[in-house]
Protein backbone atom coordinates (compact mmCIF):
# COMPACT_ATOMS: atom_id res chain seq x y z
CA MET A 1 9.03 -0.73 20.85
CA ILE A 2 11.79 0.61 23.11
CA VAL A 3 10.65 3.69 25.01
CA ARG A 4 12.96 6.24 26.63
CA SER A 5 12.21 9.62 28.18
CA ASP A 6 15.32 11.62 27.21
CA LEU A 7 14.80 14.39 24.69
CA THR A 8 17.79 16.50 25.66
CA GLN A 9 19.94 15.83 22.59
CA HIS A 10 19.89 17.96 19.47
CA PRO A 11 19.90 16.39 15.99
CA PRO A 12 23.33 16.58 14.36
CA ALA A 13 23.89 18.22 10.99
CA GLY A 14 23.43 14.91 9.14
CA ARG A 15 19.96 14.47 10.55
CA ILE A 16 19.03 18.05 9.75
CA ALA A 17 20.09 17.39 6.15
CA ARG A 18 17.82 14.36 5.97
CA VAL A 19 14.90 16.36 7.30
CA ALA A 20 15.61 19.04 4.71
CA CYS A 21 15.54 16.43 1.95
CA VAL A 22 12.12 15.21 3.07
CA VAL A 23 10.74 18.77 3.18
CA CYS A 24 12.20 19.57 -0.26
CA PHE A 25 10.65 16.44 -1.76
CA PHE A 26 7.15 17.48 -0.80
CA LEU A 27 7.71 21.07 -1.92
CA THR A 28 8.91 20.04 -5.38
CA VAL A 29 6.89 21.61 -8.16
CA PRO A 30 5.64 18.87 -10.52
CA GLY A 31 6.26 19.14 -14.22
CA PRO A 32 3.88 18.29 -17.07
CA THR A 33 2.03 14.99 -16.79
CA GLY A 34 1.81 14.19 -20.49
CA GLY A 35 1.06 10.54 -21.17
CA LEU A 36 0.13 9.81 -17.54
CA ILE A 37 -3.17 9.13 -15.84
CA ALA A 38 -5.17 12.37 -15.77
CA GLN A 39 -7.05 12.70 -12.46
CA SER A 40 -8.36 16.24 -12.31
CA ALA A 41 -11.58 15.35 -10.44
CA ALA A 42 -12.05 13.60 -7.11
CA SER A 43 -12.97 9.94 -7.26
CA PRO A 44 -13.70 7.33 -4.57
CA PHE A 45 -11.44 4.30 -4.21
CA VAL A 46 -12.23 0.88 -5.64
CA PRO A 47 -12.79 -1.57 -2.71
CA ALA A 48 -9.58 -3.38 -1.79
CA ASP A 49 -10.94 -6.85 -2.61
CA HIS A 50 -12.55 -5.86 -5.91
CA TRP A 51 -11.76 -8.01 -8.96
CA SER A 52 -10.32 -5.00 -10.80
CA VAL A 53 -7.34 -4.82 -8.40
CA HIS A 54 -5.96 -8.13 -9.72
CA ALA A 55 -7.07 -7.39 -13.29
CA ILE A 56 -5.01 -4.18 -13.34
CA ASP A 57 -1.97 -6.03 -11.98
CA ARG A 58 -2.37 -8.53 -14.80
CA LEU A 59 -2.59 -5.79 -17.43
CA HIS A 60 0.48 -4.17 -15.85
CA ALA A 61 2.41 -7.44 -16.23
CA MET A 62 1.38 -7.52 -19.90
CA GLY A 63 2.62 -3.97 -20.48
CA LEU A 64 -0.86 -2.63 -21.23
CA ALA A 65 -1.30 -0.33 -18.23
CA VAL A 66 -0.95 3.46 -18.36
CA PRO A 67 2.57 4.73 -17.47
CA GLY A 68 2.72 5.41 -13.76
CA THR A 69 0.37 2.58 -12.81
CA VAL A 70 1.82 0.98 -9.68
CA ARG A 71 1.60 -2.76 -9.35
CA GLY A 72 0.33 -4.13 -6.06
CA GLU A 73 -1.79 -1.23 -4.77
CA SER A 74 -4.69 -2.72 -2.83
CA SER A 75 -7.02 0.15 -3.71
CA ARG A 76 -7.02 2.66 -6.57
CA SER A 77 -9.37 5.46 -7.42
CA VAL A 78 -12.24 4.61 -9.73
CA SER A 79 -11.02 7.16 -12.30
CA GLU A 80 -7.51 5.66 -12.31
CA ALA A 81 -8.82 2.13 -12.77
CA LEU A 82 -11.06 3.30 -15.61
CA ALA A 83 -8.12 5.01 -17.32
CA VAL A 84 -6.06 1.81 -17.13
CA PHE A 85 -8.84 -0.30 -18.62
CA ARG A 86 -9.52 2.17 -21.41
CA ASN A 87 -5.85 2.38 -22.32
CA ALA A 88 -5.53 -1.40 -22.38
CA ALA A 89 -8.72 -1.82 -24.41
CA SER A 90 -7.44 0.65 -27.01
CA SER A 91 -4.62 -1.80 -27.77
CA GLY A 92 -7.19 -4.24 -29.14
CA HIS A 93 -6.60 -6.88 -26.48
CA GLU A 94 -9.80 -8.92 -26.17
CA GLY A 95 -9.44 -9.56 -22.44
CA ALA A 96 -8.84 -5.86 -21.76
CA ARG A 97 -12.02 -4.94 -23.66
CA GLU A 98 -13.96 -7.38 -21.50
CA TYR A 99 -12.45 -5.88 -18.34
CA LEU A 100 -13.51 -2.41 -19.52
CA ARG A 101 -17.04 -3.53 -20.36
CA ARG A 102 -17.49 -5.14 -16.95
CA PHE A 103 -16.01 -2.18 -15.07
CA GLU A 104 -18.13 0.42 -16.89
CA MET A 105 -21.22 -1.67 -16.21
CA GLU A 106 -20.50 -1.69 -12.46
CA PHE A 107 -19.34 1.91 -12.08
CA SER A 108 -21.92 3.84 -14.05
CA SER A 109 -22.75 7.45 -13.10
CA ASP A 110 -26.25 8.68 -12.35
CA SER A 111 -27.11 12.14 -10.98
CA THR A 112 -29.65 12.09 -8.15
CA GLY A 113 -30.23 15.17 -6.06
CA GLY A 114 -26.87 16.67 -6.97
CA VAL A 115 -24.93 13.54 -5.90
CA VAL A 116 -23.38 11.32 -8.55
CA LEU A 117 -23.75 7.69 -7.54
CA THR A 118 -20.64 5.83 -8.68
CA HIS A 119 -21.11 2.36 -7.32
CA ALA A 120 -23.46 0.42 -5.04
CA SER A 121 -23.20 -3.33 -4.51
CA GLY A 122 -23.93 -6.09 -2.02
CA ALA A 123 -23.49 -9.82 -1.69
CA VAL A 124 -24.37 -12.55 0.82
CA GLY A 125 -23.28 -16.15 1.08
CA ALA A 126 -21.59 -18.73 3.28
CA GLY A 127 -17.92 -19.17 4.03
CA ALA A 128 -15.70 -21.84 5.55
CA LEU A 129 -12.41 -21.11 7.25
CA ASP A 130 -10.12 -24.10 7.75
CA GLY A 131 -6.50 -24.18 8.83
CA ASP A 132 -6.48 -20.65 10.24
CA VAL A 133 -3.76 -19.78 12.76
CA ALA A 134 -3.22 -17.17 15.45
CA HIS A 135 0.06 -15.39 16.08
CA GLY A 136 2.56 -16.96 18.47
CA ILE A 137 3.35 -15.69 21.95
CA TYR A 138 6.57 -15.63 23.96
CA SER A 139 7.43 -15.21 27.61
CA ILE A 140 10.96 -13.77 27.62
CA TRP A 141 13.53 -12.58 25.09
CA GLY A 142 14.76 -15.25 22.73
CA GLU A 143 13.73 -17.54 19.90
CA GLU A 144 13.44 -20.69 22.02
CA ASN A 145 10.62 -19.24 24.15
CA TRP A 146 8.25 -18.58 21.27
CA THR A 147 5.23 -20.85 20.85
CA GLY A 148 5.14 -20.53 17.09
CA ALA A 149 1.86 -20.08 15.20
CA ARG A 150 -1.13 -21.46 17.12
CA PRO A 151 -4.09 -23.19 15.39
CA ARG A 152 -7.59 -21.71 15.51
CA GLU A 153 -10.81 -23.67 15.33
CA ASP A 154 -12.34 -24.27 11.90
CA ARG A 155 -15.48 -22.23 11.26
CA THR A 156 -18.38 -22.09 8.86
CA THR A 157 -20.61 -19.05 8.92
CA ALA A 158 -22.59 -16.60 6.84
CA THR A 159 -20.69 -13.90 4.97
CA GLY A 160 -21.74 -10.61 3.49
CA ARG A 161 -20.37 -7.50 1.90
CA GLY A 162 -21.69 -4.14 0.82
CA ALA A 163 -20.19 -1.02 -0.77
CA LEU A 164 -21.43 2.48 -1.55
CA LEU A 165 -19.14 4.87 -3.42
CA ALA A 166 -20.12 8.35 -4.56
CA GLY A 167 -18.62 11.35 -6.30
CA LEU A 168 -19.73 14.61 -4.70
CA GLY A 169 -19.02 17.08 -7.44
CA GLU A 170 -15.69 17.85 -9.07
CA TYR A 171 -13.50 18.04 -5.98
CA LEU A 172 -15.05 15.71 -3.37
CA ALA A 173 -15.91 12.01 -3.12
CA ALA A 174 -16.77 9.50 -0.39
CA GLY A 175 -16.97 5.76 0.12
CA ALA A 176 -18.11 3.09 2.59
CA VAL A 177 -17.45 -0.67 2.56
CA ALA A 178 -18.63 -3.18 5.18
CA SER A 179 -18.12 -6.93 5.37
CA GLY A 180 -18.74 -9.92 7.61
CA GLY A 181 -16.95 -13.25 7.68
CA PRO A 182 -15.96 -16.25 9.80
CA LEU A 183 -13.85 -14.19 12.22
CA ARG A 184 -15.25 -10.68 12.20
CA THR A 185 -17.87 -8.22 11.03
CA ARG A 186 -16.45 -4.79 10.46
CA LEU A 187 -16.68 -1.47 8.69
CA ASP A 188 -13.76 -1.88 6.30
CA GLU A 189 -13.77 1.61 4.83
CA LEU A 190 -15.49 4.92 5.53
CA TYR A 191 -13.75 7.98 4.14
CA GLY A 192 -13.98 11.27 2.34
CA VAL A 193 -11.53 12.35 -0.36
CA ALA A 194 -10.72 15.69 -1.98
CA ARG A 195 -8.58 16.20 -5.06
CA LEU A 196 -7.01 19.13 -6.87
CA GLY A 197 -4.95 18.21 -9.91
CA PRO A 198 -2.36 15.53 -9.07
CA VAL A 199 -2.81 15.92 -5.29
CA GLY A 200 -5.45 14.01 -3.35
CA VAL A 201 -6.26 14.17 0.38
CA TRP A 202 -8.38 11.64 2.28
CA GLY A 203 -9.54 11.14 5.84
CA GLY A 204 -11.38 8.36 7.66
CA ARG A 205 -10.83 4.61 7.41
CA ARG A 206 -9.18 2.91 4.44
CA ILE A 207 -7.54 -0.37 3.54
CA GLN A 208 -4.12 0.15 1.97
CA GLY A 209 -1.43 -2.18 0.70
CA PHE A 210 1.74 -1.76 -1.35
CA GLY A 211 4.20 -4.17 -2.94
CA PRO A 212 4.59 -6.08 -6.21
CA GLY A 213 3.79 -9.48 -4.70
CA THR A 214 0.50 -11.07 -3.68
CA SER A 215 0.92 -9.34 -0.31
CA GLY A 216 2.96 -6.28 0.60
CA MET A 217 5.67 -6.64 3.21
CA VAL A 218 5.11 -3.40 5.15
CA LEU A 219 1.36 -2.89 4.72
CA SER A 220 -0.44 -5.89 3.27
CA GLY A 221 -4.02 -4.62 3.05
CA ALA A 222 -5.21 -7.08 5.70
CA VAL A 223 -6.57 -4.46 8.12
CA PRO A 224 -7.92 -0.92 7.75
CA VAL A 225 -6.07 2.22 8.82
CA ASP A 226 -7.86 4.99 10.72
CA GLY A 227 -6.35 8.37 9.94
CA ALA A 228 -5.67 10.65 7.00
CA GLY A 229 -3.36 10.71 4.03
CA VAL A 230 -2.01 12.57 1.03
CA HIS A 231 -1.43 11.07 -2.40
CA VAL A 232 0.61 12.75 -5.15
CA GLY A 233 0.87 11.58 -8.73
CA PRO A 234 1.56 10.27 -11.08
CA ILE A 235 3.64 13.31 -12.01
CA ARG A 236 6.83 14.06 -13.90
CA LEU A 237 9.38 16.10 -12.00
CA PRO A 238 11.07 19.10 -13.65
CA SER A 239 14.57 19.41 -15.12
CA PHE A 240 16.87 16.38 -15.05
CA LEU A 241 14.54 14.65 -12.55
CA ARG A 242 12.19 13.93 -15.46
CA HIS A 243 14.40 10.90 -16.18
CA LEU A 244 12.91 9.27 -13.09
CA GLY A 245 9.76 8.80 -15.13
CA PRO A 246 6.30 8.82 -13.52
CA VAL A 247 6.58 9.52 -9.79
CA ARG A 248 4.00 8.71 -7.12
CA GLY A 249 3.98 9.31 -3.39
CA ASP A 250 1.78 8.53 -0.39
CA ILE A 251 1.80 9.57 3.25
CA THR A 252 -0.66 8.13 5.77
CA VAL A 253 -0.88 9.18 9.42
CA GLY A 254 -3.16 7.57 11.99
CA LEU A 255 -3.49 6.24 15.53
CA SER A 256 -2.76 2.61 16.33
CA ASP A 257 -3.80 0.27 19.14
CA ALA A 258 -1.74 0.08 22.33
CA ASN A 259 1.85 -1.08 21.91
CA GLY A 260 3.52 -1.98 25.21
CA PRO A 261 3.31 0.97 27.60
CA VAL A 262 2.34 3.39 24.81
CA GLU A 263 -1.46 3.55 24.79
CA ARG A 264 -2.07 5.28 21.45
CA PRO A 265 1.05 5.41 19.27
CA TRP A 266 0.98 7.25 15.96
CA PHE A 267 1.20 5.10 12.84
CA ILE A 268 2.97 6.71 9.87
CA LEU A 269 3.33 5.24 6.39
CA THR A 270 5.37 6.69 3.52
CA ARG A 271 5.49 5.24 0.03
CA GLY A 272 7.23 6.41 -3.11
CA SER A 273 7.67 4.87 -6.56
CA ILE A 274 9.30 5.71 -9.88
CA GLU A 275 9.22 4.21 -13.38
CA PRO A 276 12.40 5.30 -15.19
CA HIS A 277 11.69 2.96 -18.12
CA PRO A 278 8.44 1.36 -19.38
CA ARG A 279 9.90 -2.03 -18.43
CA VAL A 280 11.37 -1.11 -15.02
CA GLY A 281 9.98 0.28 -11.77
CA PHE A 282 11.17 0.81 -8.20
CA GLY A 283 9.42 1.54 -4.93
CA VAL A 284 10.19 2.22 -1.28
CA THR A 285 7.69 1.65 1.55
CA ARG A 286 8.22 2.60 5.18
CA GLY A 287 5.83 2.19 8.05
CA GLY A 288 6.09 2.39 11.78
CA MET A 289 4.85 3.63 15.10
CA ILE A 290 6.09 6.60 17.08
CA GLY A 291 5.13 7.52 20.62
CA ALA A 292 6.29 8.00 24.22
CA VAL A 293 4.97 7.23 27.68
CA ASP A 294 5.53 10.46 29.60
CA GLU A 295 6.67 12.90 26.90
CA HIS A 296 5.11 14.44 23.81
CA VAL A 297 6.58 13.65 20.42
CA SER A 298 7.91 16.84 18.83
CA VAL A 299 7.74 17.99 15.23
CA VAL A 300 11.49 17.32 14.92
CA ASP A 301 10.88 13.72 16.03
CA VAL A 302 8.29 13.23 13.29
CA LEU A 303 10.52 14.77 10.61
CA LEU A 304 13.45 12.57 11.67
CA PHE A 305 11.12 9.57 11.52
CA LEU A 306 10.09 10.49 7.97
CA ALA A 307 13.74 10.99 7.00
CA GLY A 308 14.58 7.42 8.01
CA ASP A 309 16.41 8.16 11.24
CA HIS A 310 15.64 7.43 14.88
CA THR A 311 13.91 10.16 16.81
CA ASP A 312 15.77 12.94 18.60
CA GLY A 313 18.57 10.92 20.19
CA SER A 314 16.13 8.34 21.58
CA GLU A 315 14.09 5.38 20.45
CA TYR A 316 10.52 6.60 20.52
CA ASP A 317 9.86 4.85 17.24
CA ASN A 318 9.68 1.39 15.70
CA GLN A 319 10.01 1.12 11.93
CA ILE A 320 9.71 -1.39 9.11
CA ALA A 321 11.00 -0.62 5.63
CA ALA A 322 11.10 -2.40 2.28
CA VAL A 323 12.33 -1.71 -1.24
CA ASP A 324 10.86 -3.36 -4.31
CA ALA A 325 11.57 -3.60 -8.00
CA TRP A 326 9.87 -5.11 -11.03
CA PHE A 327 11.12 -5.84 -14.53
CA ARG A 328 9.49 -6.99 -17.78
CA PRO A 329 12.30 -8.60 -19.83
CA PRO A 330 12.02 -8.37 -23.65
CA VAL A 331 11.71 -12.12 -24.23
CA GLY A 332 9.00 -12.15 -26.90
CA MET A 333 6.17 -12.98 -24.48
CA PRO A 334 4.61 -11.22 -21.46
CA LEU A 335 6.70 -11.92 -18.37
CA LEU A 336 7.14 -9.95 -15.16
CA LEU A 337 9.81 -10.50 -12.50
CA TYR A 338 9.71 -8.78 -9.11
CA ILE A 339 11.39 -8.68 -5.72
CA GLU A 340 10.69 -7.00 -2.39
CA TRP A 341 13.30 -6.86 0.37
CA GLY A 342 12.64 -5.46 3.82
CA ALA A 343 13.40 -5.60 7.51
CA GLU A 344 12.44 -4.19 10.88
CA ASP A 345 14.64 -1.49 12.38
CA SER A 346 18.08 -0.64 11.04
CA ALA A 347 20.62 -2.13 13.44
CA GLY A 348 21.91 -4.78 11.05
CA SER A 349 18.58 -6.51 10.51
CA TRP A 350 18.49 -5.36 6.86
CA TRP A 351 21.20 -7.93 6.11
CA ASP A 352 20.97 -10.30 9.11
CA VAL A 353 17.23 -11.04 9.29
CA PRO A 354 15.54 -9.72 6.12
CA GLY A 355 12.21 -10.67 4.68
CA ILE A 356 12.38 -11.40 0.95
CA ILE A 357 9.57 -11.86 -1.59
CA VAL A 358 10.48 -12.91 -5.14
CA GLY A 359 8.10 -13.82 -7.92
CA ALA A 360 7.57 -14.39 -11.63
CA GLU A 361 4.30 -13.97 -13.50
CA LEU A 362 3.19 -15.10 -16.94
CA PRO A 363 0.03 -12.98 -17.28
CA SER A 364 -1.09 -14.75 -20.44
CA LEU A 365 0.08 -18.22 -21.41
CA PRO A 366 0.89 -18.66 -25.12
CA ALA A 367 -1.55 -21.51 -25.77
CA LEU A 368 -4.13 -20.36 -23.20
CA PRO A 369 -4.32 -16.55 -23.34
CA TRP A 370 -7.10 -16.42 -20.76
CA LEU A 371 -4.93 -18.19 -18.17
CA SER A 372 -2.16 -16.59 -16.09
CA LEU A 373 0.50 -18.26 -13.95
CA LEU A 374 2.34 -16.77 -10.98
CA VAL A 375 5.05 -18.37 -8.83
CA GLU A 376 6.13 -16.60 -5.66
CA ARG A 377 8.43 -17.40 -2.74
CA THR A 378 8.52 -15.62 0.62
CA SER A 379 11.33 -16.17 3.09
CA LEU A 380 11.89 -14.76 6.58
CA GLU A 381 15.36 -15.29 8.01
CA ARG A 382 15.48 -16.74 11.53
CA SER A 383 17.20 -14.86 14.30
CA ASN A 384 20.98 -15.05 14.47
CA SER A 385 21.52 -12.38 17.09
CA GLY A 386 19.07 -13.19 19.86
CA ASN A 387 16.32 -10.89 18.63
CA PRO A 388 12.79 -12.08 19.33
CA PRO A 389 10.13 -13.20 16.81
CA TRP A 390 8.63 -9.72 16.44
CA TYR A 391 11.40 -9.04 13.91
CA ARG A 392 9.40 -11.28 11.55
CA HIS A 393 5.89 -9.94 12.11
């Protein structure tokens, strides 16, 4: 992160227009949501490592998910997951009916003292971690001074996990997930969530991830985020914007660990997705940190950050962005193709040093319908302009 202490410049008209676009997007009045996932009541989120996360992605690849279901979300609400499984089971698919049976067995509702218990689970065992690596370090600017990934010692240790999710009436819900493993024991999630129609608000600690591949490029779901967020959708926009299909949006704001001289930078994530055709979807994910050493970050700085521009004439921010797309070609069998393309900052790195994830999934093989096959390739271009390894975090 490059930090400067000059906030004397005023944003030009082009930047003001971008800010206005961001504000208008979040003030847009949604249209009818016919045919989409109906989420009128608050619901806790399914744990990020739950089996249903991958099951829903598989149903999505088969074309059996509800319109507006986004592939690659690391955690979905319990009500959304249930809607996807019920829709898929109604098609008569045997595997989808088994998914639904298993999910309803785990997430049954039982009123006790005015609190509806949605899910409680726990597991213990042993785990082995071999071939793990730590991030590389460097001394000065330049590729040649980077150590590369460094090996960690192999470990074998006890593991455990527990989750408690509850609906607290029609508008509120809460969840907690804790786990322990070879490298850490942590509280993965602890949050409260409120919902009114298509808009949900949460606060606390959550694990989030976005992207069509096995791991998202901007936010992979590897670590929790402490903060708060707003989720909108799926909705259909009014007028000619209805042709965008189901629309979803997320904003997450939180505090991050120290980054250089900035002790507590703000972390901001924005995510949006559309599905203009049942076989095609697009998404944009942006994440980054914003902060200063001796100055306060203004509201204009934050709005410029959200609009995709650098802060008010300075570089108080550090951003990563990615676009993704998926496509189910009509080839007579379930097949899903996807790509995610992203980069850090905007000074040419989008084309010079991009990160690219491409993949193809056969969610159900013709002769073995219970077996799926996925092939994925991730590439990170090496520096060609002297930028250091942090451009490929």
